């Protein structure tokens, strides 16, 4: 099947960018089944192995609209980091829409605000559904934006849980929560906690966002979710809010994930959701099995992101994840129509 691809940028006028200089940008990427005669381009040079895409191609005709899956990347990543899942979902009859979250994405300079205020990521995804005409264009009617699914990795798992109805009680790296000698930020922003007091004093945009920490970002259009390697940030969710989540969730994690240990994070979350399933991949799999396979360039600059234990083929794991998620979404889609 040919892989169609489009991308662009929208602006949320109701939220400021972190510089207080304009509206919040939402950069998006859409993958979908392209018409059989579409012309594919050679992938650009990247750290990631990616498939050839037919940019702006017509969609492949289908009897009914393609179900849509929203994608939310890990902290400091980008929508491109979930291309491996998007193209596999397209092969299984879905369309996939990812966004790169402002201030918390590698396609922009990192911002402490974007890393601290993870709750700003969920409205990015809801905004795309609210303003679907702005990106669907001629694909309107071919992609279903009413009954939607979601998938997120690491901080993206946090974002997706917010869409399901989880409500944050506190932020993982707020200074009052810091343990002596404990991590003061994620791998990509290791001194994050040290920036928060100054931002609260000096940034109106940051204070406004901080005040929205415990808002509900539930979006009832999301019918089921794939939760990949949720991190310690989920421990800040209200247990009452987790008990009220009624959409099914599939939680996946590696047995050797040191960034988001399975027992501490995924198992904790699973035990508090009424309709969740948990799969822990064995074989010494770490956190970054949920990022793409690396190219020679990626291996040269960040081998730790693309190296798995001997005998593990990341592509095989990715195929299994795609099969599991497609099965979840198909069953949940049938239930939503019943």
C-alpha atoms as a PDB file:
ATOM      1  CA  UNK A   1       0.000   0.000   0.000  1.00  0.00           C
ATOM      2  CA  UNK A   2       1.294   3.493  -0.862  1.00  0.00           C
ATOM      3  CA  UNK A   3       1.835   5.765   2.144  1.00  0.00           C
ATOM      4  CA  UNK A   4       0.309   9.209   1.783  1.00  0.00           C
ATOM      5  CA  UNK A   5       1.742  12.074   3.821  1.00  0.00           C
ATOM      6  CA  UNK A   6       0.857  15.682   4.523  1.00  0.00           C
ATOM      7  CA  UNK A   7       2.079  18.149   7.126  1.00  0.00           C
ATOM      8  CA  UNK A   8       1.514  21.714   8.201  1.00  0.00           C
ATOM      9  CA  UNK A   9       1.050  24.055  11.138  1.00  0.00           C
ATOM     10  CA  UNK A  10      -1.989  25.469  12.917  1.00  0.00           C
ATOM     11  CA  UNK A  11      -2.156  28.108  15.657  1.00  0.00           C
ATOM     12  CA  UNK A  12      -4.266  27.903  18.798  1.00  0.00           C
ATOM     13  CA  UNK A  13      -5.385  31.498  19.328  1.00  0.00           C
ATOM     14  CA  UNK A  14      -6.661  30.718  22.845  1.00  0.00           C
ATOM     15  CA  UNK A  15      -3.195  29.774  24.122  1.00  0.00           C
ATOM     16  CA  UNK A  16       0.022  31.756  23.868  1.00  0.00           C
ATOM     17  CA  UNK A  17       3.373  30.443  22.724  1.00  0.00           C
ATOM     18  CA  UNK A  18       5.981  30.300  25.473  1.00  0.00           C
ATOM     19  CA  UNK A  19       7.508  33.623  24.390  1.00  0.00           C
ATOM     20  CA  UNK A  20       4.145  35.424  24.786  1.00  0.00           C
ATOM     21  CA  UNK A  21       4.722  36.650  21.225  1.00  0.00           C
ATOM     22  CA  UNK A  22       1.804  34.974  19.467  1.00  0.00           C
ATOM     23  CA  UNK A  23      -0.535  31.979  19.509  1.00  0.00           C
ATOM     24  CA  UNK A  24       0.624  28.468  20.356  1.00  0.00           C
ATOM     25  CA  UNK A  25       1.903  26.618  17.250  1.00  0.00           C
ATOM     26  CA  UNK A  26       0.733  23.063  16.548  1.00  0.00           C
ATOM     27  CA  UNK A  27       2.799  21.357  13.862  1.00  0.00           C
ATOM     28  CA  UNK A  28       1.091  18.280  12.495  1.00  0.00           C
ATOM     29  CA  UNK A  29       1.874  15.255  10.316  1.00  0.00           C
ATOM     30  CA  UNK A  30      -0.745  13.048   8.677  1.00  0.00           C
ATOM     31  CA  UNK A  31      -0.179   9.554   7.273  1.00  0.00           C
ATOM     32  CA  UNK A  32      -2.913   7.822   5.265  1.00  0.00           C
ATOM     33  CA  UNK A  33      -3.443   5.197   2.529  1.00  0.00           C
ATOM     34  CA  UNK A  34      -2.570   6.844  -0.796  1.00  0.00           C
ATOM     35  CA  UNK A  35      -4.021   6.074  -4.191  1.00  0.00           C
ATOM     36  CA  UNK A  36      -2.281   3.176  -5.930  1.00  0.00           C
ATOM     37  CA  UNK A  37      -0.883   5.404  -8.692  1.00  0.00           C
ATOM     38  CA  UNK A  38       0.619   7.965  -6.280  1.00  0.00           C
ATOM     39  CA  UNK A  39       4.309   8.794  -6.738  1.00  0.00           C
ATOM     40  CA  UNK A  40       6.507   8.221  -3.679  1.00  0.00           C
ATOM     41  CA  UNK A  41       9.508  10.350  -2.694  1.00  0.00           C
ATOM     42  CA  UNK A  42      12.830   9.114  -1.340  1.00  0.00           C
ATOM     43  CA  UNK A  43      12.919   9.709   2.453  1.00  0.00           C
ATOM     44  CA  UNK A  44      14.986  12.663   3.637  1.00  0.00           C
ATOM     45  CA  UNK A  45      18.233  12.075   5.533  1.00  0.00           C
ATOM     46  CA  UNK A  46      17.377  11.354   9.156  1.00  0.00           C
ATOM     47  CA  UNK A  47      18.375   9.569  12.334  1.00  0.00           C
ATOM     48  CA  UNK A  48      15.310   7.371  11.765  1.00  0.00           C
ATOM     49  CA  UNK A  49      14.575   4.665   9.244  1.00  0.00           C
ATOM     50  CA  UNK A  50      11.458   5.839   7.428  1.00  0.00           C
ATOM     51  CA  UNK A  51       9.309   4.637   4.554  1.00  0.00           C
ATOM     52  CA  UNK A  52       8.951   6.467   1.268  1.00  0.00           C
ATOM     53  CA  UNK A  53       5.854   8.688   1.196  1.00  0.00           C
ATOM     54  CA  UNK A  54       3.587  10.109  -1.468  1.00  0.00           C
ATOM     55  CA  UNK A  55       3.404  13.728  -0.337  1.00  0.00           C
ATOM     56  CA  UNK A  56      -0.007  15.378  -0.710  1.00  0.00           C
ATOM     57  CA  UNK A  57      -1.265  12.394  -2.731  1.00  0.00           C
ATOM     58  CA  UNK A  58      -4.964  11.624  -3.188  1.00  0.00           C
ATOM     59  CA  UNK A  59      -6.319   9.153  -0.667  1.00  0.00           C
ATOM     60  CA  UNK A  60      -6.949   5.558  -1.654  1.00  0.00           C
ATOM     61  CA  UNK A  61     -10.684   5.081  -2.309  1.00  0.00           C
ATOM     62  CA  UNK A  62     -12.449   3.125   0.420  1.00  0.00           C
ATOM     63  CA  UNK A  63     -16.041   2.099   1.071  1.00  0.00           C
ATOM     64  CA  UNK A  64     -16.101   3.967   4.377  1.00  0.00           C
ATOM     65  CA  UNK A  65     -13.922   6.597   6.073  1.00  0.00           C
ATOM     66  CA  UNK A  66     -10.617   5.458   7.551  1.00  0.00           C
ATOM     67  CA  UNK A  67     -10.554   5.421  11.362  1.00  0.00           C
ATOM     68  CA  UNK A  68      -8.181   8.058  12.766  1.00  0.00           C
ATOM     69  CA  UNK A  69      -5.472   7.498  15.387  1.00  0.00           C
ATOM     70  CA  UNK A  70      -3.958  10.523  17.137  1.00  0.00           C
ATOM     71  CA  UNK A  71      -0.253  10.195  18.000  1.00  0.00           C
ATOM     72  CA  UNK A  72       1.645  11.929  20.817  1.00  0.00           C
ATOM     73  CA  UNK A  73       5.451  11.670  20.932  1.00  0.00           C
ATOM     74  CA  UNK A  74       7.795  11.259  23.872  1.00  0.00           C
ATOM     75  CA  UNK A  75       9.358  14.179  25.713  1.00  0.00           C
ATOM     76  CA  UNK A  76      11.736  16.100  23.482  1.00  0.00           C
ATOM     77  CA  UNK A  77      10.717  14.061  20.418  1.00  0.00           C
ATOM     78  CA  UNK A  78       8.506  14.824  17.431  1.00  0.00           C
ATOM     79  CA  UNK A  79       5.687  13.358  15.401  1.00  0.00           C
ATOM     80  CA  UNK A  80       8.307  11.778  13.111  1.00  0.00           C
ATOM     81  CA  UNK A  81       9.367   9.601  16.048  1.00  0.00           C
ATOM     82  CA  UNK A  82       6.087   7.697  15.735  1.00  0.00           C
ATOM     83  CA  UNK A  83       6.221   7.265  11.954  1.00  0.00           C
ATOM     84  CA  UNK A  84       7.041   3.580  12.550  1.00  0.00           C
ATOM     85  CA  UNK A  85       3.608   3.125  14.172  1.00  0.00           C
ATOM     86  CA  UNK A  86       1.765   5.457  11.798  1.00  0.00           C
ATOM     87  CA  UNK A  87       2.777   3.605   8.639  1.00  0.00           C
ATOM     88  CA  UNK A  88       1.971   0.242  10.158  1.00  0.00           C
ATOM     89  CA  UNK A  89      -1.461   1.475  11.178  1.00  0.00           C
ATOM     90  CA  UNK A  90      -1.988   2.743   7.624  1.00  0.00           C
ATOM     91  CA  UNK A  91      -1.155  -0.770   6.370  1.00  0.00           C
ATOM     92  CA  UNK A  92      -3.935  -2.008   8.665  1.00  0.00           C
ATOM     93  CA  UNK A  93      -6.575   0.386   7.371  1.00  0.00           C
ATOM     94  CA  UNK A  94      -6.173   3.481   9.568  1.00  0.00           C
ATOM     95  CA  UNK A  95      -5.051   7.073   9.134  1.00  0.00           C
ATOM     96  CA  UNK A  96      -2.674   8.541  11.732  1.00  0.00           C
ATOM     97  CA  UNK A  97      -2.254  12.163  12.801  1.00  0.00           C
ATOM     98  CA  UNK A  98       0.683  13.201  14.968  1.00  0.00           C
ATOM     99  CA  UNK A  99       1.579  16.597  16.403  1.00  0.00           C
ATOM    100  CA  UNK A 100       4.891  17.993  17.653  1.00  0.00           C
ATOM    101  CA  UNK A 101       4.243  19.615  21.021  1.00  0.00           C
ATOM    102  CA  UNK A 102       5.500  23.212  21.310  1.00  0.00           C
ATOM    103  CA  UNK A 103       8.515  23.635  23.603  1.00  0.00           C
ATOM    104  CA  UNK A 104       8.733  19.889  24.213  1.00  0.00           C
ATOM    105  CA  UNK A 105       9.840  18.848  20.723  1.00  0.00           C
ATOM    106  CA  UNK A 106      13.179  18.425  19.022  1.00  0.00           C
ATOM    107  CA  UNK A 107      12.051  20.383  15.956  1.00  0.00           C
ATOM    108  CA  UNK A 108      12.205  23.568  18.079  1.00  0.00           C
ATOM    109  CA  UNK A 109      14.619  24.763  20.767  1.00  0.00           C
ATOM    110  CA  UNK A 110      13.776  23.002  24.028  1.00  0.00           C
ATOM    111  CA  UNK A 111      11.878  25.106  26.547  1.00  0.00           C
ATOM    112  CA  UNK A 112      11.653  24.396  30.269  1.00  0.00           C
ATOM    113  CA  UNK A 113       8.016  25.509  30.098  1.00  0.00           C
ATOM    114  CA  UNK A 114       7.174  22.825  27.534  1.00  0.00           C
ATOM    115  CA  UNK A 115       8.855  20.105  29.575  1.00  0.00           C
ATOM    116  CA  UNK A 116       7.270  21.157  32.880  1.00  0.00           C
ATOM    117  CA  UNK A 117       3.712  21.797  31.649  1.00  0.00           C
ATOM    118  CA  UNK A 118       2.932  18.442  30.051  1.00  0.00           C
ATOM    119  CA  UNK A 119      -0.829  19.049  30.370  1.00  0.00           C
ATOM    120  CA  UNK A 120      -0.579  21.556  27.491  1.00  0.00           C
ATOM    121  CA  UNK A 121       0.006  18.655  25.109  1.00  0.00           C
ATOM    122  CA  UNK A 122      -3.474  17.097  25.342  1.00  0.00           C
ATOM    123  CA  UNK A 123      -5.288  20.232  24.065  1.00  0.00           C
ATOM    124  CA  UNK A 124      -3.008  20.169  21.011  1.00  0.00           C
ATOM    125  CA  UNK A 125      -4.651  16.909  19.978  1.00  0.00           C
ATOM    126  CA  UNK A 126      -8.199  18.023  20.755  1.00  0.00           C
ATOM    127  CA  UNK A 127      -7.538  21.230  18.811  1.00  0.00           C
ATOM    128  CA  UNK A 128      -6.788  19.176  15.708  1.00  0.00           C
ATOM    129  CA  UNK A 129     -10.181  17.474  15.982  1.00  0.00           C
ATOM    130  CA  UNK A 130     -11.966  20.758  16.684  1.00  0.00           C
ATOM    131  CA  UNK A 131     -10.382  22.332  13.579  1.00  0.00           C
ATOM    132  CA  UNK A 132     -10.363  19.327  11.287  1.00  0.00           C
ATOM    133  CA  UNK A 133     -11.372  21.321   8.206  1.00  0.00           C
ATOM    134  CA  UNK A 134      -8.056  23.170   8.406  1.00  0.00           C
ATOM    135  CA  UNK A 135      -5.986  20.041   7.764  1.00  0.00           C
ATOM    136  CA  UNK A 136      -8.394  17.545   6.190  1.00  0.00           C
ATOM    137  CA  UNK A 137      -9.023  19.695   3.115  1.00  0.00           C
ATOM    138  CA  UNK A 138      -9.932  17.394   0.207  1.00  0.00           C
ATOM    139  CA  UNK A 139      -9.726  14.343   2.521  1.00  0.00           C
ATOM    140  CA  UNK A 140     -12.893  15.375   4.341  1.00  0.00           C
ATOM    141  CA  UNK A 141     -15.315  12.465   4.318  1.00  0.00           C
ATOM    142  CA  UNK A 142     -12.472   9.970   3.835  1.00  0.00           C
ATOM    143  CA  UNK A 143     -11.160  10.093   7.431  1.00  0.00           C
ATOM    144  CA  UNK A 144     -13.403   9.614  10.480  1.00  0.00           C
ATOM    145  CA  UNK A 145     -12.785  12.382  13.031  1.00  0.00           C
ATOM    146  CA  UNK A 146     -15.768  11.597  15.261  1.00  0.00           C
ATOM    147  CA  UNK A 147     -14.845   8.207  16.733  1.00  0.00           C
ATOM    148  CA  UNK A 148     -11.100   8.501  17.213  1.00  0.00           C
ATOM    149  CA  UNK A 149      -8.303   6.508  18.852  1.00  0.00           C
ATOM    150  CA  UNK A 150      -5.036   7.666  20.387  1.00  0.00           C
ATOM    151  CA  UNK A 151      -1.541   6.345  20.992  1.00  0.00           C
ATOM    152  CA  UNK A 152       1.300   7.904  22.954  1.00  0.00           C
ATOM    153  CA  UNK A 153       4.826   7.065  24.048  1.00  0.00           C
ATOM    154  CA  UNK A 154       6.315   8.131  27.401  1.00  0.00           C
ATOM    155  CA  UNK A 155       5.208  11.776  27.853  1.00  0.00           C
ATOM    156  CA  UNK A 156       2.831  11.033  24.984  1.00  0.00           C
ATOM    157  CA  UNK A 157       1.288   8.310  27.132  1.00  0.00           C
ATOM    158  CA  UNK A 158       0.659  11.008  29.772  1.00  0.00           C
ATOM    159  CA  UNK A 159      -0.968  13.185  27.104  1.00  0.00           C
ATOM    160  CA  UNK A 160      -3.250  10.386  25.963  1.00  0.00           C
ATOM    161  CA  UNK A 161      -4.254   9.557  29.541  1.00  0.00           C
ATOM    162  CA  UNK A 162      -5.341  13.186  29.957  1.00  0.00           C
ATOM    163  CA  UNK A 163      -7.576  12.776  26.901  1.00  0.00           C
ATOM    164  CA  UNK A 164      -9.123   9.694  28.501  1.00  0.00           C
ATOM    165  CA  UNK A 165      -9.955  11.699  31.626  1.00  0.00           C
ATOM    166  CA  UNK A 166      -6.965  11.434  33.957  1.00  0.00           C
ATOM    167  CA  UNK A 167      -6.491  14.619  36.007  1.00  0.00           C
ATOM    168  CA  UNK A 168      -3.112  15.770  37.324  1.00  0.00           C
ATOM    169  CA  UNK A 169      -2.785  16.566  41.024  1.00  0.00           C
ATOM    170  CA  UNK A 170       0.863  17.631  40.801  1.00  0.00           C
ATOM    171  CA  UNK A 171       3.747  17.920  38.358  1.00  0.00           C
ATOM    172  CA  UNK A 172       6.529  15.369  38.561  1.00  0.00           C
ATOM    173  CA  UNK A 173       9.352  17.896  38.780  1.00  0.00           C
ATOM    174  CA  UNK A 174       7.837  20.653  40.905  1.00  0.00           C
ATOM    175  CA  UNK A 175      10.403  21.456  43.603  1.00  0.00           C
ATOM    176  CA  UNK A 176       8.189  20.386  46.518  1.00  0.00           C
ATOM    177  CA  UNK A 177       8.098  16.877  45.047  1.00  0.00           C
ATOM    178  CA  UNK A 178      11.845  16.480  44.639  1.00  0.00           C
ATOM    179  CA  UNK A 179      13.587  13.751  46.613  1.00  0.00           C
ATOM    180  CA  UNK A 180      17.145  14.440  47.804  1.00  0.00           C
ATOM    181  CA  UNK A 181      19.507  13.053  45.191  1.00  0.00           C
ATOM    182  CA  UNK A 182      16.665  12.225  42.805  1.00  0.00           C
ATOM    183  CA  UNK A 183      16.414  13.158  39.137  1.00  0.00           C
ATOM    184  CA  UNK A 184      15.651  16.848  38.588  1.00  0.00           C
ATOM    185  CA  UNK A 185      14.429  16.398  35.046  1.00  0.00           C
ATOM    186  CA  UNK A 186      14.201  13.966  32.163  1.00  0.00           C
ATOM    187  CA  UNK A 187      17.200  12.856  30.103  1.00  0.00           C
ATOM    188  CA  UNK A 188      16.588  15.657  27.602  1.00  0.00           C
ATOM    189  CA  UNK A 189      16.312  18.437  30.240  1.00  0.00           C
ATOM    190  CA  UNK A 190      18.130  17.189  33.368  1.00  0.00           C
ATOM    191  CA  UNK A 191      17.884  20.428  35.424  1.00  0.00           C
ATOM    192  CA  UNK A 192      14.210  21.095  34.689  1.00  0.00           C
ATOM    193  CA  UNK A 193      13.148  21.430  38.340  1.00  0.00           C
ATOM    194  CA  UNK A 194      15.652  24.240  38.866  1.00  0.00           C
ATOM    195  CA  UNK A 195      13.898  26.415  36.258  1.00  0.00           C
ATOM    196  CA  UNK A 196      10.392  26.223  37.708  1.00  0.00           C
ATOM    197  CA  UNK A 197      10.676  28.732  40.624  1.00  0.00           C
ATOM    198  CA  UNK A 198      12.055  31.459  38.354  1.00  0.00           C
ATOM    199  CA  UNK A 199       9.421  30.816  35.699  1.00  0.00           C
ATOM    200  CA  UNK A 200       6.663  31.109  38.294  1.00  0.00           C
ATOM    201  CA  UNK A 201       8.076  34.509  39.290  1.00  0.00           C
ATOM    202  CA  UNK A 202       8.760  35.943  35.854  1.00  0.00           C
ATOM    203  CA  UNK A 203       6.519  34.370  33.193  1.00  0.00           C
ATOM    204  CA  UNK A 204       2.814  35.169  32.932  1.00  0.00           C
ATOM    205  CA  UNK A 205       2.410  32.471  30.286  1.00  0.00           C
ATOM    206  CA  UNK A 206       3.985  29.871  32.544  1.00  0.00           C
ATOM    207  CA  UNK A 207       1.898  30.893  35.567  1.00  0.00           C
ATOM    208  CA  UNK A 208      -1.275  30.723  33.486  1.00  0.00           C
ATOM    209  CA  UNK A 209      -0.384  27.237  32.312  1.00  0.00           C
ATOM    210  CA  UNK A 210       0.622  26.108  35.810  1.00  0.00           C
ATOM    211  CA  UNK A 211      -2.800  27.190  37.061  1.00  0.00           C
ATOM    212  CA  UNK A 212      -4.400  24.812  34.515  1.00  0.00           C
ATOM    213  CA  UNK A 213      -2.466  21.786  35.766  1.00  0.00           C
ATOM    214  CA  UNK A 214      -5.488  20.131  37.364  1.00  0.00           C
ATOM    215  CA  UNK A 215      -8.035  20.940  34.684  1.00  0.00           C
ATOM    216  CA  UNK A 216      -9.839  18.088  32.983  1.00  0.00           C
ATOM    217  CA  UNK A 217      -8.732  17.557  29.368  1.00  0.00           C
ATOM    218  CA  UNK A 218     -11.020  14.622  28.739  1.00  0.00           C
ATOM    219  CA  UNK A 219     -12.140  14.261  25.130  1.00  0.00           C
ATOM    220  CA  UNK A 220     -14.998  11.805  24.697  1.00  0.00           C
ATOM    221  CA  UNK A 221     -14.219  11.428  20.998  1.00  0.00           C
ATOM    222  CA  UNK A 222     -11.303   9.172  22.012  1.00  0.00           C
ATOM    223  CA  UNK A 223     -12.709   5.633  22.113  1.00  0.00           C
ATOM    224  CA  UNK A 224      -9.581   3.646  23.057  1.00  0.00           C
ATOM    225  CA  UNK A 225      -5.888   4.265  23.610  1.00  0.00           C
ATOM    226  CA  UNK A 226      -2.473   2.662  23.292  1.00  0.00           C
ATOM    227  CA  UNK A 227      -0.260   3.665  26.237  1.00  0.00           C
ATOM    228  CA  UNK A 228       3.439   2.961  25.533  1.00  0.00           C
ATOM    229  CA  UNK A 229       5.984   3.103  28.376  1.00  0.00           C
ATOM    230  CA  UNK A 230       4.238   5.663  30.594  1.00  0.00           C
ATOM    231  CA  UNK A 231       6.740   7.446  32.844  1.00  0.00           C
ATOM    232  CA  UNK A 232       6.700   8.566  36.446  1.00  0.00           C
ATOM    233  CA  UNK A 233       4.648  11.610  35.444  1.00  0.00           C
ATOM    234  CA  UNK A 234       1.516   9.415  35.573  1.00  0.00           C
ATOM    235  CA  UNK A 235       2.013   9.018  39.334  1.00  0.00           C
ATOM    236  CA  UNK A 236       0.732  12.585  39.608  1.00  0.00           C
ATOM    237  CA  UNK A 237      -2.721  11.600  38.375  1.00  0.00           C
ATOM    238  CA  UNK A 238      -5.635  11.603  40.788  1.00  0.00           C
ATOM    239  CA  UNK A 239      -6.621   8.007  41.540  1.00  0.00           C
ATOM    240  CA  UNK A 240     -10.280   9.028  41.525  1.00  0.00           C
ATOM    241  CA  UNK A 241      -9.933  10.376  38.003  1.00  0.00           C
ATOM    242  CA  UNK A 242      -8.257   7.161  36.848  1.00  0.00           C
ATOM    243  CA  UNK A 243     -11.102   5.071  38.261  1.00  0.00           C
ATOM    244  CA  UNK A 244     -13.545   7.164  36.209  1.00  0.00           C
ATOM    245  CA  UNK A 245     -11.785   6.472  32.888  1.00  0.00           C
ATOM    246  CA  UNK A 246     -14.149   4.301  30.863  1.00  0.00           C
ATOM    247  CA  UNK A 247     -12.341   3.951  27.532  1.00  0.00           C
ATOM    248  CA  UNK A 248     -10.248   0.785  27.083  1.00  0.00           C
ATOM    249  CA  UNK A 249      -6.473   1.184  27.251  1.00  0.00           C
ATOM    250  CA  UNK A 250      -3.636  -1.156  26.313  1.00  0.00           C
ATOM    251  CA  UNK A 251      -0.435  -0.475  28.266  1.00  0.00           C
ATOM    252  CA  UNK A 252       2.849  -1.730  26.786  1.00  0.00           C
ATOM    253  CA  UNK A 253       6.309  -1.553  28.350  1.00  0.00           C
ATOM    254  CA  UNK A 254       9.684  -3.294  28.206  1.00  0.00           C
ATOM    255  CA  UNK A 255      10.876  -5.423  31.102  1.00  0.00           C
ATOM    256  CA  UNK A 256      14.181  -3.514  31.335  1.00  0.00           C
ATOM    257  CA  UNK A 257      12.846   0.039  31.025  1.00  0.00           C
ATOM    258  CA  UNK A 258      14.990   2.105  33.390  1.00  0.00           C
ATOM    259  CA  UNK A 259      13.434   5.448  32.435  1.00  0.00           C
ATOM    260  CA  UNK A 260       9.897   4.226  33.202  1.00  0.00           C
ATOM    261  CA  UNK A 261      10.180   1.016  35.251  1.00  0.00           C
ATOM    262  CA  UNK A 262       7.294  -1.334  34.533  1.00  0.00           C
ATOM    263  CA  UNK A 263       6.341  -2.056  38.143  1.00  0.00           C
ATOM    264  CA  UNK A 264       6.616   1.557  39.254  1.00  0.00           C
ATOM    265  CA  UNK A 265       4.730   3.137  36.340  1.00  0.00           C
ATOM    266  CA  UNK A 266       2.831   0.813  33.970  1.00  0.00           C
ATOM    267  CA  UNK A 267       1.695  -1.663  36.619  1.00  0.00           C
ATOM    268  CA  UNK A 268       0.692   1.191  38.929  1.00  0.00           C
ATOM    269  CA  UNK A 269      -1.431   2.716  36.177  1.00  0.00           C
ATOM    270  CA  UNK A 270      -2.940  -0.617  35.119  1.00  0.00           C
ATOM    271  CA  UNK A 271      -4.047  -1.362  38.690  1.00  0.00           C
ATOM    272  CA  UNK A 272      -6.042   1.889  38.810  1.00  0.00           C
ATOM    273  CA  UNK A 273      -7.855   1.656  35.471  1.00  0.00           C
ATOM    274  CA  UNK A 274     -11.081  -0.317  35.135  1.00  0.00           C
ATOM    275  CA  UNK A 275     -10.641  -1.274  31.479  1.00  0.00           C
ATOM    276  CA  UNK A 276      -6.938  -1.712  30.849  1.00  0.00           C
ATOM    277  CA  UNK A 277      -4.675  -4.533  29.723  1.00  0.00           C
ATOM    278  CA  UNK A 278      -0.948  -4.669  30.438  1.00  0.00           C
ATOM    279  CA  UNK A 279       1.757  -6.393  28.405  1.00  0.00           C
ATOM    280  CA  UNK A 280       5.377  -6.359  29.574  1.00  0.00           C
ATOM    281  CA  UNK A 281       7.736  -7.284  26.742  1.00  0.00           C
ATOM    282  CA  UNK A 282      10.465  -9.674  27.885  1.00  0.00           C
ATOM    283  CA  UNK A 283      14.021 -10.005  26.601  1.00  0.00           C
ATOM    284  CA  UNK A 284      15.663  -7.027  28.250  1.00  0.00           C
ATOM    285  CA  UNK A 285      13.741  -4.383  26.279  1.00  0.00           C
ATOM    286  CA  UNK A 286      14.281  -0.789  27.331  1.00  0.00           C
ATOM    287  CA  UNK A 287      12.469   2.506  26.972  1.00  0.00           C
ATOM    288  CA  UNK A 288      13.570   3.272  23.440  1.00  0.00           C
ATOM    289  CA  UNK A 289      12.197   0.172  21.778  1.00  0.00           C
ATOM    290  CA  UNK A 290       9.227   2.485  21.138  1.00  0.00           C
ATOM    291  CA  UNK A 291      11.265   4.842  18.915  1.00  0.00           C
ATOM    292  CA  UNK A 292      12.138   4.099  15.275  1.00  0.00           C
ATOM    293  CA  UNK A 293      14.950   1.918  14.043  1.00  0.00           C
ATOM    294  CA  UNK A 294      18.057   3.993  13.547  1.00  0.00           C
ATOM    295  CA  UNK A 295      19.973   4.822  10.401  1.00  0.00           C
ATOM    296  CA  UNK A 296      23.769   4.887  10.294  1.00  0.00           C
ATOM    297  CA  UNK A 297      23.494   8.609  11.093  1.00  0.00           C
ATOM    298  CA  UNK A 298      21.297   7.938  14.115  1.00  0.00           C
ATOM    299  CA  UNK A 299      23.571   5.195  15.395  1.00  0.00           C
ATOM    300  CA  UNK A 300      26.587   7.487  15.033  1.00  0.00           C
ATOM    301  CA  UNK A 301      25.066  10.283  17.112  1.00  0.00           C
ATOM    302  CA  UNK A 302      22.791   8.460  19.593  1.00  0.00           C
ATOM    303  CA  UNK A 303      23.497   4.747  19.573  1.00  0.00           C
ATOM    304  CA  UNK A 304      21.769   4.312  22.944  1.00  0.00           C
ATOM    305  CA  UNK A 305      18.414   5.188  21.349  1.00  0.00           C
ATOM    306  CA  UNK A 306      18.660   2.536  18.655  1.00  0.00           C
ATOM    307  CA  UNK A 307      20.505  -0.384  20.269  1.00  0.00           C
ATOM    308  CA  UNK A 308      18.550  -3.359  21.613  1.00  0.00           C
ATOM    309  CA  UNK A 309      19.725  -6.543  23.348  1.00  0.00           C
ATOM    310  CA  UNK A 310      21.243  -9.310  21.183  1.00  0.00           C
ATOM    311  CA  UNK A 311      18.585 -11.335  19.420  1.00  0.00           C
ATOM    312  CA  UNK A 312      15.982  -8.548  19.494  1.00  0.00           C
ATOM    313  CA  UNK A 313      14.769  -7.141  16.184  1.00  0.00           C
ATOM    314  CA  UNK A 314      13.060  -3.833  16.820  1.00  0.00           C
ATOM    315  CA  UNK A 315      11.043  -4.129  13.611  1.00  0.00           C
ATOM    316  CA  UNK A 316       9.524  -7.394  14.889  1.00  0.00           C
ATOM    317  CA  UNK A 317       8.509  -5.697  18.152  1.00  0.00           C
ATOM    318  CA  UNK A 318       7.013  -2.818  16.171  1.00  0.00           C
ATOM    319  CA  UNK A 319       4.947  -5.227  14.081  1.00  0.00           C
ATOM    320  CA  UNK A 320       3.589  -6.845  17.240  1.00  0.00           C
ATOM    321  CA  UNK A 321       2.723  -3.443  18.710  1.00  0.00           C
ATOM    322  CA  UNK A 322       0.903  -2.481  15.522  1.00  0.00           C
ATOM    323  CA  UNK A 323      -1.059  -5.738  15.530  1.00  0.00           C
ATOM    324  CA  UNK A 324      -2.042  -5.313  19.178  1.00  0.00           C
ATOM    325  CA  UNK A 325      -3.080  -1.688  18.746  1.00  0.00           C
ATOM    326  CA  UNK A 326      -5.027  -2.330  15.531  1.00  0.00           C
ATOM    327  CA  UNK A 327      -6.911  -5.162  17.243  1.00  0.00           C
ATOM    328  CA  UNK A 328      -7.766  -2.889  20.182  1.00  0.00           C
ATOM    329  CA  UNK A 329      -8.971  -0.089  17.933  1.00  0.00           C
ATOM    330  CA  UNK A 330     -11.006  -2.374  15.687  1.00  0.00           C
ATOM    331  CA  UNK A 331     -12.851  -3.972  18.606  1.00  0.00           C
ATOM    332  CA  UNK A 332     -13.375  -0.601  20.313  1.00  0.00           C
ATOM    333  CA  UNK A 333     -14.635   0.920  17.063  1.00  0.00           C
ATOM    334  CA  UNK A 334     -17.251  -1.805  16.704  1.00  0.00           C
ATOM    335  CA  UNK A 335     -18.308  -1.270  20.338  1.00  0.00           C
ATOM    336  CA  UNK A 336     -18.586   2.498  19.805  1.00  0.00           C
ATOM    337  CA  UNK A 337     -20.993   1.956  16.893  1.00  0.00           C
ATOM    338  CA  UNK A 338     -23.148  -0.543  18.766  1.00  0.00           C
END
